[in-house]
Amino acid sequence: MVETWRSRTIYNMIIDALQRRGGTAKDRDIYELLRSEYDVSYMEFLKALMVLELRGFVKVSLMKGDIRWIELLAK
């Protein structure tokens, strides 16, 4: 198994991506943006979102089906 080293944490990458999109976005949009730049699995992305929500940085709401709406709380 090949390990990929990142110069920034996935948490910072998600927050930066949300800031670039005005503070709100769908989870798939942020995931596709991260995936185009880094090797990130969807499960790793969801786990990072949960950590950011528990720490009070983002709010994740379920829109319909499996679509999540992410709002940046801390700027």
Protein backbone atom coordinates (compact mmCIF):
# COMPACT_ATOMS: atom_id res chain seq x y z
CA MET A 1 0.00 0.00 0.00
CA VAL A 2 1.33 3.38 -1.02
CA GLU A 3 1.00 6.18 1.51
CA THR A 4 0.43 9.72 0.26
CA TRP A 5 1.90 12.57 2.28
CA ARG A 6 0.04 15.84 2.32
CA SER A 7 1.53 19.21 3.15
CA ARG A 8 -1.87 20.36 4.56
CA THR A 9 -4.44 18.50 6.59
CA ILE A 10 -7.73 17.42 5.07
CA TYR A 11 -9.50 19.65 7.58
CA ASN A 12 -7.73 22.74 6.27
CA MET A 13 -8.40 21.69 2.68
CA ILE A 14 -12.16 21.39 3.36
CA ILE A 15 -12.29 24.76 5.12
CA ASP A 16 -10.35 26.44 2.30
CA ALA A 17 -12.64 24.88 -0.31
CA LEU A 18 -15.70 26.15 1.56
CA GLN A 19 -14.21 29.64 1.84
CA ARG A 20 -13.59 29.69 -1.93
CA ARG A 21 -17.26 28.80 -2.50
CA GLY A 22 -18.64 31.51 -0.22
CA GLY A 23 -19.04 29.39 2.91
CA THR A 24 -21.68 26.91 1.69
CA ALA A 25 -21.64 23.98 -0.72
CA LYS A 26 -22.90 20.47 -1.37
CA ASP A 27 -20.71 17.66 -0.06
CA ARG A 28 -20.19 16.20 -3.56
CA ASP A 29 -18.92 19.55 -4.88
CA ILE A 30 -16.33 19.87 -2.11
CA TYR A 31 -15.36 16.21 -2.42
CA GLU A 32 -14.83 16.46 -6.19
CA LEU A 33 -12.73 19.60 -5.70
CA LEU A 34 -10.54 17.85 -3.10
CA ARG A 35 -10.31 14.69 -5.18
CA SER A 36 -9.08 16.64 -8.21
CA GLU A 37 -6.17 17.98 -6.14
CA TYR A 38 -5.45 15.14 -3.68
CA ASP A 39 -5.99 11.41 -3.27
CA VAL A 40 -8.91 11.40 -0.81
CA SER A 41 -11.45 8.61 -0.38
CA TYR A 42 -15.11 9.49 0.18
CA MET A 43 -15.09 7.76 3.58
CA GLU A 44 -12.04 9.78 4.64
CA PHE A 45 -13.82 12.94 3.49
CA LEU A 46 -16.99 12.10 5.48
CA LYS A 47 -14.93 11.32 8.58
CA ALA A 48 -13.15 14.68 8.30
CA LEU A 49 -16.52 16.44 7.89
CA MET A 50 -17.76 14.78 11.07
CA VAL A 51 -14.67 15.91 12.99
CA LEU A 52 -15.09 19.48 11.71
CA GLU A 53 -18.76 19.45 12.72
CA LEU A 54 -18.00 18.13 16.21
CA ARG A 55 -15.34 20.80 16.66
CA GLY A 56 -17.82 23.54 15.65
CA PHE A 57 -16.21 24.64 12.38
CA VAL A 58 -18.97 23.50 10.01
CA LYS A 59 -22.64 22.57 10.08
CA VAL A 60 -23.73 19.63 7.93
CA SER A 61 -27.41 19.29 7.03
CA LEU A 62 -29.10 16.51 5.08
CA MET A 63 -31.00 18.00 2.13
CA LYS A 64 -32.67 15.00 0.48
CA GLY A 65 -31.51 11.48 -0.11
CA ASP A 66 -27.77 11.39 0.39
CA ILE A 67 -27.06 15.05 -0.43
CA ARG A 68 -25.43 16.99 2.40
CA TRP A 69 -25.32 20.78 2.64
CA ILE A 70 -22.18 22.10 4.35
CA GLU A 71 -22.02 25.54 5.97
CA LEU A 72 -18.84 27.12 7.27
CA LEU A 73 -19.40 28.50 10.78
CA ALA A 74 -15.91 29.74 11.69
CA LYS A 75 -14.18 32.20 9.40
